[in-house]
Amino acid sequence: MLPGIVEKPDCTLVYSCDNKDHTLGTGYLVSERIKHLILDFKPITPRICILRMRGKFLNYSIFNGHAPTETSAVEEKHGFF
């Protein structure tokens, strides 16, 4: 799973999704004003990713998770958890 990047004039979208059918996915829409603070973007699974950003005193790790719904298959829920 490789991360994707879409650059627009005023923002940047960094995302990850399933390589085969491009479903699910997580991502971040980052303002052009703070784009230079991004240290790393790491997709863990199509449903989980981490964005690392530089702060004034500390660096931040922001986790993003897209959990399956109650109506999803049991295997899919167990795989997420």
C-alpha atoms as a PDB file:
ATOM      1  CA  MET A   1       0.000   0.000   0.000  1.00  0.00           C
ATOM      2  CA  LEU A   2       1.564   3.238  -1.158  1.00  0.00           C
ATOM      3  CA  PRO A   3       0.436   6.645   0.007  1.00  0.00           C
ATOM      4  CA  GLY A   4      -1.112   9.034  -2.482  1.00  0.00           C
ATOM      5  CA  ILE A   5      -0.640  12.762  -2.718  1.00  0.00           C
ATOM      6  CA  VAL A   6      -2.939  15.259  -4.441  1.00  0.00           C
ATOM      7  CA  GLU A   7      -1.668  18.836  -4.516  1.00  0.00           C
ATOM      8  CA  LYS A   8      -4.038  21.767  -4.992  1.00  0.00           C
ATOM      9  CA  PRO A   9      -3.225  25.501  -4.919  1.00  0.00           C
ATOM     10  CA  ASP A  10      -4.334  25.999  -1.303  1.00  0.00           C
ATOM     11  CA  CYS A  11      -4.082  22.504   0.240  1.00  0.00           C
ATOM     12  CA  THR A  12      -2.565  19.035  -0.081  1.00  0.00           C
ATOM     13  CA  LEU A  13      -4.350  15.710   0.384  1.00  0.00           C
ATOM     14  CA  VAL A  14      -2.260  12.763   1.631  1.00  0.00           C
ATOM     15  CA  TYR A  15      -4.122   9.458   1.712  1.00  0.00           C
ATOM     16  CA  SER A  16      -3.993   5.691   1.601  1.00  0.00           C
ATOM     17  CA  CYS A  17      -6.522   3.188   0.303  1.00  0.00           C
ATOM     18  CA  ASP A  18      -6.821  -0.410  -0.894  1.00  0.00           C
ATOM     19  CA  ASN A  19      -4.483  -0.951  -3.875  1.00  0.00           C
ATOM     20  CA  LYS A  20      -6.877  -3.179  -5.835  1.00  0.00           C
ATOM     21  CA  ASP A  21     -10.267  -1.493  -5.752  1.00  0.00           C
ATOM     22  CA  HIS A  22      -9.404   1.879  -4.137  1.00  0.00           C
ATOM     23  CA  THR A  23     -12.013   1.529  -1.389  1.00  0.00           C
ATOM     24  CA  LEU A  24     -11.947   2.426   2.292  1.00  0.00           C
ATOM     25  CA  GLY A  25      -8.964   4.624   3.006  1.00  0.00           C
ATOM     26  CA  THR A  26      -7.853   7.310   5.399  1.00  0.00           C
ATOM     27  CA  GLY A  27      -6.119  10.595   4.871  1.00  0.00           C
ATOM     28  CA  TYR A  28      -5.511  14.196   5.824  1.00  0.00           C
ATOM     29  CA  LEU A  29      -6.260  17.454   4.082  1.00  0.00           C
ATOM     30  CA  VAL A  30      -3.401  19.799   5.001  1.00  0.00           C
ATOM     31  CA  SER A  31      -3.456  23.545   4.469  1.00  0.00           C
ATOM     32  CA  GLU A  32      -0.682  24.974   2.308  1.00  0.00           C
ATOM     33  CA  ARG A  33       0.122  27.228   5.280  1.00  0.00           C
ATOM     34  CA  ILE A  34       1.295  24.275   7.440  1.00  0.00           C
ATOM     35  CA  LYS A  35       2.378  21.799   4.754  1.00  0.00           C
ATOM     36  CA  HIS A  36       6.057  22.496   5.498  1.00  0.00           C
ATOM     37  CA  LEU A  37       5.538  21.083   9.028  1.00  0.00           C
ATOM     38  CA  ILE A  38       4.802  17.538   7.783  1.00  0.00           C
ATOM     39  CA  LEU A  39       7.567  15.147   8.811  1.00  0.00           C
ATOM     40  CA  ASP A  40       6.077  11.848   7.656  1.00  0.00           C
ATOM     41  CA  PHE A  41       2.894  10.151   6.479  1.00  0.00           C
ATOM     42  CA  LYS A  42       2.669   6.424   7.122  1.00  0.00           C
ATOM     43  CA  PRO A  43      -0.226   4.213   5.959  1.00  0.00           C
ATOM     44  CA  ILE A  44      -0.468   1.196   8.300  1.00  0.00           C
ATOM     45  CA  THR A  45      -3.483  -0.505   6.666  1.00  0.00           C
ATOM     46  CA  PRO A  46      -6.134   0.826   4.269  1.00  0.00           C
ATOM     47  CA  ARG A  47      -8.076   1.768   7.433  1.00  0.00           C
ATOM     48  CA  ILE A  48      -5.299   3.233   9.639  1.00  0.00           C
ATOM     49  CA  CYS A  49      -2.629   5.891   8.996  1.00  0.00           C
ATOM     50  CA  ILE A  50      -0.343   8.217  10.943  1.00  0.00           C
ATOM     51  CA  LEU A  51       0.685  11.794  10.154  1.00  0.00           C
ATOM     52  CA  ARG A  52       3.796  13.172  11.906  1.00  0.00           C
ATOM     53  CA  MET A  53       4.080  16.939  12.190  1.00  0.00           C
ATOM     54  CA  ARG A  54       6.705  19.266  13.610  1.00  0.00           C
ATOM     55  CA  GLY A  55       5.546  21.457  16.483  1.00  0.00           C
ATOM     56  CA  LYS A  56       7.159  24.415  18.185  1.00  0.00           C
ATOM     57  CA  PHE A  57       8.316  22.422  21.229  1.00  0.00           C
ATOM     58  CA  LEU A  58       7.326  18.822  20.396  1.00  0.00           C
ATOM     59  CA  ASN A  59       6.536  16.776  17.319  1.00  0.00           C
ATOM     60  CA  TYR A  60       3.025  15.340  16.980  1.00  0.00           C
ATOM     61  CA  SER A  61       1.733  11.976  15.773  1.00  0.00           C
ATOM     62  CA  ILE A  62      -1.876  12.125  14.608  1.00  0.00           C
ATOM     63  CA  PHE A  63      -3.601   8.754  14.154  1.00  0.00           C
ATOM     64  CA  ASN A  64      -6.552   8.305  11.810  1.00  0.00           C
ATOM     65  CA  GLY A  65      -8.724   5.202  11.852  1.00  0.00           C
ATOM     66  CA  HIS A  66     -11.680   4.184   9.703  1.00  0.00           C
ATOM     67  CA  ALA A  67     -13.462   1.421  11.642  1.00  0.00           C
ATOM     68  CA  PRO A  68     -15.883  -1.029  10.032  1.00  0.00           C
ATOM     69  CA  THR A  69     -19.570  -0.495  10.743  1.00  0.00           C
ATOM     70  CA  GLU A  70     -21.783  -2.832  12.735  1.00  0.00           C
ATOM     71  CA  THR A  71     -23.218  -4.254   9.494  1.00  0.00           C
ATOM     72  CA  SER A  72     -19.755  -5.231   8.158  1.00  0.00           C
ATOM     73  CA  ALA A  73     -18.658  -8.853   7.944  1.00  0.00           C
ATOM     74  CA  VAL A  74     -17.340 -10.415  11.167  1.00  0.00           C
ATOM     75  CA  GLU A  75     -13.970 -11.190   9.511  1.00  0.00           C
ATOM     76  CA  GLU A  76     -13.563  -7.548   8.545  1.00  0.00           C
ATOM     77  CA  LYS A  77     -14.262  -6.391  12.114  1.00  0.00           C
ATOM     78  CA  HIS A  78     -11.842  -8.920  13.620  1.00  0.00           C
ATOM     79  CA  GLY A  79      -9.165  -7.892  11.112  1.00  0.00           C
ATOM     80  CA  PHE A  80      -9.497  -4.247  12.138  1.00  0.00           C
ATOM     81  CA  PHE A  81      -9.396  -4.887  15.880  1.00  0.00           C
END
